[in-house]
Amino acid sequence: MPDNTARPKVQEQPGLMIFLGCYAIFGCAVFALSILIADFVVPDHDWIADTISDLGAGKYEFIVDIGIYAFSSALICVALLTAHVHLGGLRWSVSIVGLVALGLIVFLVGARNEYGDSDNDGVVIHRYLVYGLGFLMASLPLLMAKAAGRADPLYSKILVAISVVWVPSAPIFFFLPDAIDGVYERYLGLISFVFVITLSHLFIQRGRSQKAAKRRKEAKNASA
């Protein structure tokens, strides 16, 4: 008779960690590439003066929308990783929910199409989405820094630096002249990429370390 009282085996899956981490980095690359392509394809676009939101409206909006959805999925992948590899503490738990919310906010920014075209039909929530994104980008790196430092102190330093740079930088965007707000928005986007890539690297390295440890163990057992 099988032992129905036995608990299921719970362990981290290094292959899954590496896959999700690589996909999250890929999502950032797709978003960056979509912006670059749209900069050349969209007529009369000035990447210094015009924002990414301007690229997300009109005839060629699908180009940037693809990038936005790719970045949204990258954030969801990171959220899955933080849930799969819980590094401990209430802050880490809150961060899992925050990353899911951040991914959904980015998705809604693309799906609602309330930017760049003076769309005022129905309830316009774009501004509130931006506020939510700004708040989460300011708080999540700080919430995760201590726990991430258990893997390597460098991750903690990078995450703290992201928040320190983001907090004063993000509000400035709302007060910039239209002539330069496009390039500044790209700078803020780069900070968010660093956040995602830092966490992705943490989990990829963890997955690789576990795979290497498993191979060493198997080699040792084979030679015994």
N, C-alpha and C. Protein backbone atom coordinates (compact mmCIF):
# COMPACT_ATOMS: atom_id res chain seq x y z
N MET A 1 0.84 -1.21 0.00
CA MET A 1 0.00 0.00 0.00
C MET A 1 0.87 1.25 0.00
N PRO A 2 0.57 2.21 -0.88
CA PRO A 2 1.36 3.45 -0.89
C PRO A 2 1.12 4.26 0.37
N ASP A 3 2.14 4.98 0.77
CA ASP A 3 2.05 5.82 1.97
C ASP A 3 1.42 7.15 1.59
N ASN A 4 0.11 7.28 1.81
CA ASN A 4 -0.59 8.50 1.43
C ASN A 4 -0.27 9.67 2.35
N THR A 5 0.39 9.39 3.46
CA THR A 5 0.73 10.46 4.40
C THR A 5 2.06 11.12 4.04
N ALA A 6 2.78 10.52 3.09
CA ALA A 6 4.08 11.09 2.71
C ALA A 6 3.88 12.46 2.06
N ARG A 7 4.71 13.40 2.42
CA ARG A 7 4.63 14.74 1.86
C ARG A 7 5.29 14.77 0.48
N PRO A 8 4.74 15.59 -0.44
CA PRO A 8 5.37 15.70 -1.75
C PRO A 8 6.76 16.31 -1.63
N LYS A 9 7.63 15.89 -2.52
CA LYS A 9 9.00 16.40 -2.50
C LYS A 9 9.01 17.83 -3.02
N VAL A 10 9.58 18.73 -2.25
CA VAL A 10 9.64 20.14 -2.62
C VAL A 10 11.09 20.54 -2.81
N GLN A 11 11.41 21.02 -3.99
CA GLN A 11 12.77 21.48 -4.24
C GLN A 11 12.78 22.46 -5.40
N GLU A 12 13.81 23.27 -5.46
CA GLU A 12 13.96 24.21 -6.55
C GLU A 12 14.31 23.48 -7.83
N GLN A 13 13.85 24.04 -8.94
CA GLN A 13 14.10 23.45 -10.25
C GLN A 13 15.07 24.34 -11.02
N PRO A 14 16.34 23.97 -11.08
CA PRO A 14 17.34 24.83 -11.73
C PRO A 14 17.05 25.10 -13.20
N GLY A 15 16.52 24.08 -13.90
CA GLY A 15 16.20 24.30 -15.32
C GLY A 15 15.14 25.37 -15.50
N LEU A 16 14.12 25.34 -14.66
CA LEU A 16 13.06 26.35 -14.72
C LEU A 16 13.61 27.72 -14.38
N MET A 17 14.48 27.79 -13.38
CA MET A 17 15.06 29.07 -12.98
C MET A 17 15.87 29.68 -14.12
N ILE A 18 16.67 28.87 -14.78
CA ILE A 18 17.50 29.37 -15.88
C ILE A 18 16.62 29.81 -17.06
N PHE A 19 15.60 29.02 -17.37
CA PHE A 19 14.71 29.36 -18.49
C PHE A 19 13.98 30.68 -18.24
N LEU A 20 13.36 30.82 -17.07
CA LEU A 20 12.60 32.04 -16.77
C LEU A 20 13.51 33.25 -16.70
N GLY A 21 14.71 33.07 -16.12
CA GLY A 21 15.65 34.18 -16.04
C GLY A 21 16.11 34.64 -17.41
N CYS A 22 16.41 33.68 -18.29
CA CYS A 22 16.83 34.04 -19.65
C CYS A 22 15.70 34.69 -20.42
N TYR A 23 14.47 34.19 -20.21
CA TYR A 23 13.34 34.78 -20.91
C TYR A 23 13.09 36.22 -20.44
N ALA A 24 13.28 36.48 -19.16
CA ALA A 24 13.08 37.84 -18.64
C ALA A 24 14.07 38.80 -19.30
N ILE A 25 15.32 38.37 -19.44
CA ILE A 25 16.31 39.21 -20.12
C ILE A 25 15.94 39.38 -21.59
N PHE A 26 15.45 38.30 -22.20
CA PHE A 26 15.00 38.37 -23.59
C PHE A 26 13.86 39.38 -23.75
N GLY A 27 12.93 39.41 -22.78
CA GLY A 27 11.83 40.35 -22.84
C GLY A 27 12.30 41.80 -22.82
N CYS A 28 13.33 42.08 -22.02
CA CYS A 28 13.91 43.42 -22.00
C CYS A 28 14.52 43.76 -23.36
N ALA A 29 15.21 42.78 -23.96
CA ALA A 29 15.85 43.00 -25.25
C ALA A 29 14.82 43.26 -26.34
N VAL A 30 13.70 42.53 -26.30
CA VAL A 30 12.64 42.73 -27.28
C VAL A 30 12.05 44.13 -27.16
N PHE A 31 11.83 44.57 -25.93
CA PHE A 31 11.28 45.91 -25.72
C PHE A 31 12.24 46.98 -26.26
N ALA A 32 13.52 46.83 -25.94
CA ALA A 32 14.51 47.80 -26.43
C ALA A 32 14.57 47.79 -27.95
N LEU A 33 14.53 46.60 -28.55
CA LEU A 33 14.59 46.49 -30.01
C LEU A 33 13.35 47.09 -30.66
N SER A 34 12.18 46.88 -30.04
CA SER A 34 10.95 47.43 -30.61
C SER A 34 10.98 48.96 -30.63
N ILE A 35 11.54 49.54 -29.59
CA ILE A 35 11.66 51.01 -29.54
C ILE A 35 12.62 51.49 -30.62
N LEU A 36 13.73 50.79 -30.78
CA LEU A 36 14.72 51.16 -31.79
C LEU A 36 14.12 51.07 -33.18
N ILE A 37 13.39 49.99 -33.45
CA ILE A 37 12.77 49.83 -34.77
C ILE A 37 11.74 50.93 -35.01
N ALA A 38 10.91 51.19 -34.01
CA ALA A 38 9.87 52.22 -34.15
C ALA A 38 10.47 53.60 -34.36
N ASP A 39 11.62 53.86 -33.73
CA ASP A 39 12.29 55.15 -33.90
C ASP A 39 12.60 55.42 -35.38
N PHE A 40 12.89 54.36 -36.12
CA PHE A 40 13.23 54.52 -37.54
C PHE A 40 12.00 54.42 -38.44
N VAL A 41 11.01 53.63 -38.02
CA VAL A 41 9.86 53.37 -38.87
C VAL A 41 8.82 54.49 -38.80
N VAL A 42 8.55 54.98 -37.59
CA VAL A 42 7.51 56.01 -37.42
C VAL A 42 7.97 57.32 -38.07
N PRO A 43 7.17 57.86 -38.99
CA PRO A 43 7.56 59.10 -39.68
C PRO A 43 7.66 60.29 -38.73
N ASP A 44 8.65 61.14 -39.00
CA ASP A 44 8.82 62.41 -38.27
C ASP A 44 8.94 62.21 -36.77
N HIS A 45 9.54 61.10 -36.37
CA HIS A 45 9.70 60.85 -34.93
C HIS A 45 11.07 61.34 -34.47
N ASP A 46 11.09 62.08 -33.39
CA ASP A 46 12.32 62.57 -32.78
C ASP A 46 12.51 61.85 -31.46
N TRP A 47 13.50 60.94 -31.39
CA TRP A 47 13.64 60.10 -30.20
C TRP A 47 14.09 60.90 -28.98
N ILE A 48 14.61 62.10 -29.18
CA ILE A 48 14.99 62.94 -28.05
C ILE A 48 13.78 63.67 -27.49
N ALA A 49 12.92 64.16 -28.37
CA ALA A 49 11.78 64.96 -27.93
C ALA A 49 10.52 64.12 -27.71
N ASP A 50 10.33 63.08 -28.52
CA ASP A 50 9.10 62.29 -28.45
C ASP A 50 9.27 61.10 -27.52
N THR A 51 8.25 60.85 -26.74
CA THR A 51 8.31 59.77 -25.75
C THR A 51 7.99 58.41 -26.39
N ILE A 52 8.25 57.36 -25.64
CA ILE A 52 7.89 56.02 -26.08
C ILE A 52 6.38 55.92 -26.24
N SER A 53 5.64 56.64 -25.43
CA SER A 53 4.18 56.65 -25.54
C SER A 53 3.73 57.14 -26.91
N ASP A 54 4.46 58.12 -27.47
CA ASP A 54 4.13 58.62 -28.80
C ASP A 54 4.29 57.53 -29.85
N LEU A 55 5.25 56.64 -29.65
CA LEU A 55 5.45 55.53 -30.58
C LEU A 55 4.34 54.49 -30.45
N GLY A 56 3.68 54.47 -29.28
CA GLY A 56 2.66 53.47 -29.01
C GLY A 56 1.28 53.87 -29.48
N ALA A 57 1.19 54.88 -30.34
CA ALA A 57 -0.10 55.32 -30.86
C ALA A 57 0.02 55.52 -32.36
N GLY A 58 -1.08 55.28 -33.06
CA GLY A 58 -1.08 55.50 -34.49
C GLY A 58 -0.89 54.23 -35.30
N LYS A 59 -0.53 54.40 -36.56
CA LYS A 59 -0.44 53.31 -37.52
C LYS A 59 0.53 52.21 -37.11
N TYR A 60 1.66 52.60 -36.50
CA TYR A 60 2.71 51.64 -36.18
C TYR A 60 2.75 51.29 -34.69
N GLU A 61 1.63 51.44 -34.02
CA GLU A 61 1.61 51.20 -32.58
C GLU A 61 1.92 49.75 -32.22
N PHE A 62 1.66 48.83 -33.15
CA PHE A 62 1.87 47.41 -32.86
C PHE A 62 3.33 47.10 -32.57
N ILE A 63 4.26 47.91 -33.13
CA ILE A 63 5.68 47.63 -32.94
C ILE A 63 6.06 47.78 -31.47
N VAL A 64 5.71 48.91 -30.89
CA VAL A 64 6.02 49.15 -29.48
C VAL A 64 5.14 48.29 -28.57
N ASP A 65 3.91 48.05 -28.99
CA ASP A 65 3.03 47.20 -28.18
C ASP A 65 3.63 45.81 -27.98
N ILE A 66 4.26 45.27 -29.02
CA ILE A 66 4.92 43.97 -28.89
C ILE A 66 6.00 44.04 -27.81
N GLY A 67 6.77 45.12 -27.83
CA GLY A 67 7.82 45.30 -26.82
C GLY A 67 7.26 45.45 -25.42
N ILE A 68 6.17 46.21 -25.30
CA ILE A 68 5.54 46.41 -23.99
C ILE A 68 5.06 45.08 -23.41
N TYR A 69 4.41 44.27 -24.25
CA TYR A 69 3.92 42.97 -23.77
C TYR A 69 5.08 42.04 -23.43
N ALA A 70 6.17 42.13 -24.19
CA ALA A 70 7.34 41.31 -23.89
C ALA A 70 7.94 41.70 -22.53
N PHE A 71 7.99 43.00 -22.25
CA PHE A 71 8.52 43.45 -20.98
C PHE A 71 7.58 43.09 -19.84
N SER A 72 6.28 43.16 -20.09
CA SER A 72 5.31 42.73 -19.08
C SER A 72 5.51 41.27 -18.73
N SER A 73 5.71 40.42 -19.73
CA SER A 73 5.93 39.00 -19.47
C SER A 73 7.25 38.77 -18.76
N ALA A 74 8.24 39.63 -19.03
CA ALA A 74 9.53 39.53 -18.33
C ALA A 74 9.34 39.77 -16.83
N LEU A 75 8.52 40.75 -16.49
CA LEU A 75 8.25 41.04 -15.08
C LEU A 75 7.48 39.89 -14.42
N ILE A 76 6.56 39.29 -15.15
CA ILE A 76 5.82 38.15 -14.61
C ILE A 76 6.77 36.97 -14.38
N CYS A 77 7.73 36.78 -15.31
CA CYS A 77 8.72 35.72 -15.13
C CYS A 77 9.54 35.94 -13.86
N VAL A 78 9.93 37.18 -13.62
CA VAL A 78 10.70 37.48 -12.41
C VAL A 78 9.84 37.24 -11.18
N ALA A 79 8.54 37.58 -11.27
CA ALA A 79 7.64 37.32 -10.15
C ALA A 79 7.54 35.82 -9.88
N LEU A 80 7.45 35.02 -10.92
CA LEU A 80 7.41 33.57 -10.76
C LEU A 80 8.69 33.07 -10.10
N LEU A 81 9.82 33.62 -10.49
CA LEU A 81 11.09 33.22 -9.92
C LEU A 81 11.17 33.56 -8.44
N THR A 82 10.71 34.74 -8.07
CA THR A 82 10.78 35.13 -6.66
C THR A 82 9.84 34.28 -5.81
N ALA A 83 8.76 33.79 -6.42
CA ALA A 83 7.86 32.90 -5.69
C ALA A 83 8.46 31.49 -5.60
N HIS A 84 9.09 31.06 -6.69
CA HIS A 84 9.69 29.72 -6.72
C HIS A 84 10.89 29.62 -5.77
N VAL A 85 11.68 30.70 -5.73
CA VAL A 85 12.87 30.75 -4.86
C VAL A 85 12.63 31.83 -3.81
N HIS A 86 11.91 31.50 -2.77
CA HIS A 86 11.60 32.48 -1.74
C HIS A 86 12.81 32.61 -0.81
N LEU A 87 13.42 33.78 -0.83
CA LEU A 87 14.64 34.00 -0.05
C LEU A 87 14.34 34.44 1.38
N GLY A 88 13.07 34.42 1.77
CA GLY A 88 12.73 34.62 3.16
C GLY A 88 12.28 36.03 3.51
N GLY A 89 11.36 36.12 4.48
CA GLY A 89 10.94 37.40 5.01
C GLY A 89 9.67 37.93 4.39
N LEU A 90 8.98 38.78 5.16
CA LEU A 90 7.74 39.39 4.69
C LEU A 90 7.98 40.30 3.49
N ARG A 91 9.11 41.01 3.50
CA ARG A 91 9.39 41.93 2.40
C ARG A 91 9.48 41.19 1.07
N TRP A 92 10.09 40.01 1.10
CA TRP A 92 10.20 39.23 -0.13
C TRP A 92 8.82 38.78 -0.60
N SER A 93 7.98 38.38 0.35
CA SER A 93 6.61 37.97 0.01
C SER A 93 5.83 39.12 -0.61
N VAL A 94 5.94 40.30 -0.02
CA VAL A 94 5.27 41.49 -0.57
C VAL A 94 5.79 41.80 -1.96
N SER A 95 7.08 41.60 -2.17
CA SER A 95 7.69 41.89 -3.46
C SER A 95 7.16 40.98 -4.57
N ILE A 96 6.82 39.74 -4.22
CA ILE A 96 6.24 38.84 -5.22
C ILE A 96 4.95 39.43 -5.77
N VAL A 97 4.09 39.87 -4.85
CA VAL A 97 2.82 40.49 -5.26
C VAL A 97 3.09 41.79 -6.03
N GLY A 98 4.07 42.56 -5.56
CA GLY A 98 4.41 43.81 -6.23
C GLY A 98 4.90 43.61 -7.65
N LEU A 99 5.68 42.56 -7.88
CA LEU A 99 6.18 42.28 -9.23
C LEU A 99 5.05 41.86 -10.16
N VAL A 100 4.11 41.08 -9.64
CA VAL A 100 2.94 40.72 -10.44
C VAL A 100 2.16 41.98 -10.81
N ALA A 101 1.95 42.85 -9.83
CA ALA A 101 1.23 44.10 -10.08
C ALA A 101 1.97 44.96 -11.10
N LEU A 102 3.29 45.01 -11.00
CA LEU A 102 4.09 45.80 -11.94
C LEU A 102 3.95 45.25 -13.36
N GLY A 103 3.99 43.91 -13.48
CA GLY A 103 3.80 43.31 -14.80
C GLY A 103 2.44 43.61 -15.39
N LEU A 104 1.40 43.57 -14.56
CA LEU A 104 0.05 43.86 -15.02
C LEU A 104 -0.10 45.33 -15.40
N ILE A 105 0.54 46.22 -14.66
CA ILE A 105 0.49 47.65 -14.98
C ILE A 105 1.11 47.90 -16.34
N VAL A 106 2.27 47.32 -16.59
CA VAL A 106 2.92 47.49 -17.89
C VAL A 106 2.03 46.95 -19.01
N PHE A 107 1.40 45.80 -18.77
CA PHE A 107 0.49 45.23 -19.76
C PHE A 107 -0.67 46.18 -20.05
N LEU A 108 -1.25 46.75 -18.99
CA LEU A 108 -2.39 47.64 -19.17
C LEU A 108 -2.00 48.93 -19.90
N VAL A 109 -0.79 49.39 -19.68
CA VAL A 109 -0.31 50.58 -20.38
C VAL A 109 -0.38 50.34 -21.89
N GLY A 110 0.03 49.14 -22.31
CA GLY A 110 -0.04 48.82 -23.73
C GLY A 110 -1.45 48.53 -24.20
N ALA A 111 -2.22 47.83 -23.39
CA ALA A 111 -3.55 47.39 -23.82
C ALA A 111 -4.56 48.53 -23.88
N ARG A 112 -4.43 49.51 -22.98
CA ARG A 112 -5.44 50.57 -22.90
C ARG A 112 -5.31 51.60 -24.02
N ASN A 113 -4.11 51.75 -24.59
CA ASN A 113 -3.90 52.69 -25.70
C ASN A 113 -4.40 54.10 -25.37
N GLU A 114 -4.02 54.59 -24.19
CA GLU A 114 -4.47 55.92 -23.77
C GLU A 114 -3.35 56.95 -23.83
N TYR A 115 -2.36 56.70 -24.66
CA TYR A 115 -1.22 57.60 -24.68
C TYR A 115 -0.92 58.06 -26.10
N GLY A 116 -0.38 59.24 -26.17
CA GLY A 116 0.15 59.72 -27.43
C GLY A 116 -0.87 60.17 -28.46
N ASP A 117 -2.17 59.90 -28.23
CA ASP A 117 -3.17 60.23 -29.25
C ASP A 117 -4.35 61.01 -28.68
N SER A 118 -4.16 61.59 -27.49
CA SER A 118 -5.20 62.41 -26.85
C SER A 118 -6.51 61.65 -26.68
N ASP A 119 -6.42 60.37 -26.40
CA ASP A 119 -7.61 59.53 -26.19
C ASP A 119 -8.24 59.88 -24.85
N ASN A 120 -9.50 60.30 -24.89
CA ASN A 120 -10.21 60.62 -23.66
C ASN A 120 -11.53 59.85 -23.55
N ASP A 121 -11.67 58.78 -24.32
CA ASP A 121 -12.90 58.00 -24.28
C ASP A 121 -12.95 57.14 -23.02
N GLY A 122 -14.07 57.18 -22.33
CA GLY A 122 -14.22 56.38 -21.13
C GLY A 122 -13.33 56.90 -20.01
N VAL A 123 -13.03 56.01 -19.08
CA VAL A 123 -12.20 56.37 -17.94
C VAL A 123 -10.73 56.22 -18.33
N VAL A 124 -10.00 57.32 -18.33
CA VAL A 124 -8.59 57.31 -18.70
C VAL A 124 -7.75 57.05 -17.44
N ILE A 125 -7.03 55.95 -17.43
CA ILE A 125 -6.29 55.54 -16.23
C ILE A 125 -4.79 55.57 -16.43
N HIS A 126 -4.33 56.04 -17.59
CA HIS A 126 -2.90 55.99 -17.89
C HIS A 126 -2.05 56.67 -16.82
N ARG A 127 -2.47 57.85 -16.41
CA ARG A 127 -1.69 58.60 -15.42
C ARG A 127 -1.58 57.82 -14.11
N TYR A 128 -2.66 57.18 -13.72
CA TYR A 128 -2.64 56.41 -12.47
C TYR A 128 -1.75 55.17 -12.60
N LEU A 129 -1.74 54.58 -13.79
CA LEU A 129 -0.85 53.45 -14.04
C LEU A 129 0.61 53.88 -13.92
N VAL A 130 0.90 55.06 -14.45
CA VAL A 130 2.27 55.58 -14.37
C VAL A 130 2.67 55.83 -12.92
N TYR A 131 1.75 56.38 -12.14
CA TYR A 131 2.03 56.60 -10.72
C TYR A 131 2.31 55.27 -10.01
N GLY A 132 1.49 54.27 -10.31
CA GLY A 132 1.69 52.96 -9.70
C GLY A 132 3.01 52.35 -10.10
N LEU A 133 3.36 52.47 -11.37
CA LEU A 133 4.64 51.96 -11.85
C LEU A 133 5.79 52.65 -11.14
N GLY A 134 5.69 53.97 -11.01
CA GLY A 134 6.76 54.72 -10.35
C GLY A 134 6.94 54.32 -8.89
N PHE A 135 5.82 54.14 -8.20
CA PHE A 135 5.89 53.74 -6.79
C PHE A 135 6.51 52.36 -6.63
N LEU A 136 6.10 51.41 -7.46
CA LEU A 136 6.62 50.05 -7.34
C LEU A 136 8.10 49.99 -7.71
N MET A 137 8.50 50.74 -8.71
CA MET A 137 9.91 50.75 -9.08
C MET A 137 10.78 51.39 -8.01
N ALA A 138 10.20 52.28 -7.24
CA ALA A 138 10.95 52.90 -6.14
C ALA A 138 11.07 51.98 -4.94
N SER A 139 10.01 51.20 -4.68
CA SER A 139 9.96 50.41 -3.44
C SER A 139 10.46 48.98 -3.58
N LEU A 140 10.18 48.32 -4.69
CA LEU A 140 10.51 46.90 -4.82
C LEU A 140 12.01 46.60 -4.70
N PRO A 141 12.88 47.35 -5.36
CA PRO A 141 14.30 47.04 -5.19
C PRO A 141 14.76 47.12 -3.73
N LEU A 142 14.26 48.11 -3.00
CA LEU A 142 14.62 48.24 -1.58
C LEU A 142 14.07 47.08 -0.76
N LEU A 143 12.83 46.68 -1.05
CA LEU A 143 12.22 45.57 -0.32
C LEU A 143 12.99 44.27 -0.53
N MET A 144 13.57 44.11 -1.72
CA MET A 144 14.22 42.84 -2.06
C MET A 144 15.71 42.83 -1.79
N ALA A 145 16.29 43.99 -1.49
CA ALA A 145 17.74 44.12 -1.40
C ALA A 145 18.37 43.22 -0.33
N LYS A 146 17.81 43.23 0.86
CA LYS A 146 18.40 42.47 1.96
C LYS A 146 18.40 40.97 1.67
N ALA A 147 17.26 40.46 1.22
CA ALA A 147 17.16 39.02 0.93
C ALA A 147 18.06 38.64 -0.24
N ALA A 148 18.11 39.49 -1.27
CA ALA A 148 18.96 39.19 -2.42
C ALA A 148 20.43 39.16 -2.02
N GLY A 149 20.77 39.95 -1.00
CA GLY A 149 22.15 39.98 -0.52
C GLY A 149 22.61 38.67 0.06
N ARG A 150 21.67 37.79 0.43
CA ARG A 150 22.04 36.47 0.93
C ARG A 150 22.66 35.62 -0.17
N ALA A 151 22.27 35.89 -1.41
CA ALA A 151 22.86 35.18 -2.54
C ALA A 151 24.23 35.75 -2.86
N ASP A 152 24.33 37.08 -2.83
CA ASP A 152 25.60 37.77 -3.08
C ASP A 152 25.39 39.23 -2.67
N PRO A 153 26.28 39.79 -1.84
CA PRO A 153 26.12 41.19 -1.42
C PRO A 153 26.05 42.18 -2.57
N LEU A 154 26.61 41.81 -3.72
CA LEU A 154 26.58 42.71 -4.87
C LEU A 154 25.15 42.96 -5.34
N TYR A 155 24.30 41.93 -5.29
CA TYR A 155 22.90 42.10 -5.69
C TYR A 155 22.21 43.12 -4.80
N SER A 156 22.48 43.06 -3.52
CA SER A 156 21.89 44.01 -2.58
C SER A 156 22.31 45.44 -2.91
N LYS A 157 23.59 45.62 -3.20
CA LYS A 157 24.09 46.97 -3.51
C LYS A 157 23.46 47.51 -4.79
N ILE A 158 23.32 46.65 -5.80
CA ILE A 158 22.73 47.10 -7.06
C ILE A 158 21.27 47.47 -6.87
N LEU A 159 20.53 46.67 -6.13
CA LEU A 159 19.10 46.95 -5.92
C LEU A 159 18.89 48.24 -5.13
N VAL A 160 19.71 48.45 -4.12
CA VAL A 160 19.62 49.70 -3.36
C VAL A 160 19.95 50.88 -4.27
N ALA A 161 20.97 50.73 -5.11
CA ALA A 161 21.37 51.80 -6.03
C ALA A 161 20.24 52.12 -7.01
N ILE A 162 19.52 51.10 -7.46
CA ILE A 162 18.40 51.33 -8.38
C ILE A 162 17.35 52.22 -7.74
N SER A 163 16.98 51.93 -6.49
CA SER A 163 16.00 52.77 -5.80
C SER A 163 16.53 54.18 -5.56
N VAL A 164 17.80 54.26 -5.17
CA VAL A 164 18.40 55.57 -4.89
C VAL A 164 18.42 56.44 -6.14
N VAL A 165 18.66 55.84 -7.28
CA VAL A 165 18.67 56.59 -8.54
C VAL A 165 17.25 56.89 -9.00
N TRP A 166 16.35 55.91 -8.85
CA TRP A 166 15.00 56.06 -9.37
C TRP A 166 14.20 57.13 -8.61
N VAL A 167 14.29 57.13 -7.30
CA VAL A 167 13.43 58.02 -6.48
C VAL A 167 13.56 59.48 -6.87
N PRO A 168 14.77 60.04 -7.03
CA PRO A 168 14.83 61.43 -7.46
C PRO A 168 14.66 61.62 -8.96
N SER A 169 14.94 60.58 -9.73
CA SER A 169 14.91 60.72 -11.19
C SER A 169 13.50 60.72 -11.76
N ALA A 170 12.64 59.80 -11.26
CA ALA A 170 11.32 59.63 -11.86
C ALA A 170 10.45 60.89 -11.82
N PRO A 171 10.33 61.61 -10.67
CA PRO A 171 9.46 62.79 -10.65
C PRO A 171 9.92 63.90 -11.60
N ILE A 172 11.21 63.96 -11.88
CA ILE A 172 11.73 65.01 -12.76
C ILE A 172 11.08 64.95 -14.12
N PHE A 173 10.74 63.74 -14.58
CA PHE A 173 10.16 63.55 -15.91
C PHE A 173 8.94 64.44 -16.14
N PHE A 174 8.11 64.61 -15.11
CA PHE A 174 6.87 65.36 -15.26
C PHE A 174 7.10 66.87 -15.42
N PHE A 175 8.31 67.32 -15.14
CA PHE A 175 8.60 68.75 -15.21
C PHE A 175 9.55 69.11 -16.35
N LEU A 176 9.92 68.13 -17.15
CA LEU A 176 10.85 68.39 -18.24
C LEU A 176 10.14 69.03 -19.44
N PRO A 177 10.85 69.86 -20.19
CA PRO A 177 10.28 70.40 -21.43
C PRO A 177 10.10 69.31 -22.46
N ASP A 178 9.14 69.49 -23.35
CA ASP A 178 8.85 68.48 -24.37
C ASP A 178 10.04 68.21 -25.28
N ALA A 179 10.99 69.12 -25.33
CA ALA A 179 12.11 68.97 -26.25
C ALA A 179 13.06 67.85 -25.86
N ILE A 180 13.03 67.42 -24.58
CA ILE A 180 14.00 66.42 -24.14
C ILE A 180 13.37 65.27 -23.35
N ASP A 181 12.05 65.29 -23.17
CA ASP A 181 11.46 64.27 -22.30
C ASP A 181 11.51 62.87 -22.91
N GLY A 182 11.67 62.77 -24.23
CA GLY A 182 11.77 61.47 -24.88
C GLY A 182 13.01 60.71 -24.48
N VAL A 183 14.14 61.37 -24.54
CA VAL A 183 15.39 60.70 -24.18
C VAL A 183 15.45 60.42 -22.68
N TYR A 184 14.82 61.28 -21.89
CA TYR A 184 14.81 61.06 -20.44
C TYR A 184 13.96 59.85 -20.08
N GLU A 185 12.84 59.67 -20.79
CA GLU A 185 12.00 58.50 -20.53
C GLU A 185 12.76 57.22 -20.85
N ARG A 186 13.59 57.25 -21.88
CA ARG A 186 14.40 56.08 -22.22
C ARG A 186 15.43 55.79 -21.12
N TYR A 187 15.93 56.83 -20.50
CA TYR A 187 16.85 56.66 -19.37
C TYR A 187 16.15 55.96 -18.20
N LEU A 188 14.91 56.35 -17.92
CA LEU A 188 14.14 55.68 -16.86
C LEU A 188 13.86 54.23 -17.22
N GLY A 189 13.59 53.99 -18.49
CA GLY A 189 13.37 52.62 -18.93
C GLY A 189 14.61 51.76 -18.74
N LEU A 190 15.78 52.36 -18.94
CA LEU A 190 17.04 51.63 -18.75
C LEU A 190 17.20 51.21 -17.29
N ILE A 191 16.77 52.05 -16.37
CA ILE A 191 16.84 51.70 -14.94
C ILE A 191 15.96 50.48 -14.66
N SER A 192 14.78 50.45 -15.24
CA SER A 192 13.88 49.31 -15.03
C SER A 192 14.47 48.04 -15.63
N PHE A 193 15.19 48.17 -16.74
CA PHE A 193 15.87 47.01 -17.33
C PHE A 193 16.93 46.48 -16.38
N VAL A 194 17.67 47.37 -15.75
CA VAL A 194 18.72 46.95 -14.82
C VAL A 194 18.10 46.16 -13.66
N PHE A 195 16.95 46.60 -13.20
CA PHE A 195 16.24 45.91 -12.12
C PHE A 195 15.90 44.47 -12.52
N VAL A 196 15.28 44.32 -13.68
CA VAL A 196 14.88 42.99 -14.15
C VAL A 196 16.09 42.11 -14.42
N ILE A 197 17.10 42.66 -15.06
CA ILE A 197 18.28 41.88 -15.42
C ILE A 197 19.07 41.46 -14.17
N THR A 198 19.12 42.33 -13.17
CA THR A 198 19.81 41.99 -11.92
C THR A 198 19.17 40.78 -11.26
N LEU A 199 17.84 40.81 -11.12
CA LEU A 199 17.14 39.69 -10.51
C LEU A 199 17.25 38.43 -11.37
N SER A 200 17.16 38.60 -12.67
CA SER A 200 17.28 37.45 -13.57
C SER A 200 18.65 36.80 -13.43
N HIS A 201 19.68 37.61 -13.35
CA HIS A 201 21.04 37.08 -13.20
C HIS A 201 21.18 36.31 -11.90
N LEU A 202 20.57 36.82 -10.83
CA LEU A 202 20.62 36.12 -9.54
C LEU A 202 20.07 34.70 -9.67
N PHE A 203 18.91 34.57 -10.30
CA PHE A 203 18.28 33.26 -10.40
C PHE A 203 18.97 32.35 -11.42
N ILE A 204 19.48 32.93 -12.49
CA ILE A 204 20.22 32.13 -13.47
C ILE A 204 21.47 31.54 -12.82
N GLN A 205 22.19 32.37 -12.08
CA GLN A 205 23.40 31.90 -11.41
C GLN A 205 23.07 30.83 -10.36
N ARG A 206 21.95 31.02 -9.67
CA ARG A 206 21.53 30.03 -8.67
C ARG A 206 21.21 28.70 -9.36
N GLY A 207 20.50 28.78 -10.48
CA GLY A 207 20.17 27.57 -11.22
C GLY A 207 21.40 26.86 -11.74
N ARG A 208 22.35 27.62 -12.26
CA ARG A 208 23.58 27.02 -12.78
C ARG A 208 24.40 26.39 -11.66
N SER A 209 24.44 27.05 -10.50
CA SER A 209 25.19 26.50 -9.37
C SER A 209 24.58 25.17 -8.91
N GLN A 210 23.25 25.11 -8.89
CA GLN A 210 22.59 23.89 -8.47
C GLN A 210 22.81 22.77 -9.48
N LYS A 211 22.81 23.12 -10.77
CA LYS A 211 23.08 22.10 -11.79
C LYS A 211 24.50 21.57 -11.66
N ALA A 212 25.46 22.48 -11.43
CA ALA A 212 26.85 22.07 -11.28
C ALA A 212 27.03 21.18 -10.05
N ALA A 213 26.35 21.55 -8.96
CA ALA A 213 26.43 20.75 -7.74
C ALA A 213 25.84 19.36 -7.96
N LYS A 214 24.77 19.28 -8.73
CA LYS A 214 24.15 17.99 -9.02
C LYS A 214 25.08 17.12 -9.85
N ARG A 215 25.75 17.74 -10.83
CA ARG A 215 26.68 16.97 -11.66
C ARG A 215 27.86 16.44 -10.85
N ARG A 216 28.36 17.28 -9.92
CA ARG A 216 29.47 16.84 -9.08
C ARG A 216 29.04 15.67 -8.19
N LYS A 217 27.82 15.77 -7.66
CA LYS A 217 27.32 14.69 -6.81
C LYS A 217 27.17 13.40 -7.59
N GLU A 218 26.64 13.50 -8.81
CA GLU A 218 26.46 12.31 -9.64
C GLU A 218 27.80 11.70 -10.01
N ALA A 219 28.79 12.56 -10.30
CA ALA A 219 30.12 12.06 -10.66
C ALA A 219 30.77 11.36 -9.46
N LYS A 220 30.56 11.93 -8.28
CA LYS A 220 31.12 11.33 -7.07
C LYS A 220 30.47 9.99 -6.79
N ASN A 221 29.16 9.88 -6.97
CA ASN A 221 28.46 8.61 -6.74
C ASN A 221 28.88 7.55 -7.76
N ALA A 222 29.13 8.02 -9.00
CA ALA A 222 29.52 7.08 -10.04
C ALA A 222 30.91 6.49 -9.80
N SER A 223 31.77 7.33 -9.21
CA SER A 223 33.15 6.88 -8.96
C SER A 223 33.29 6.08 -7.67
N ALA A 224 32.25 6.12 -6.83
CA ALA A 224 32.31 5.41 -5.53
C ALA A 224 32.19 3.89 -5.74
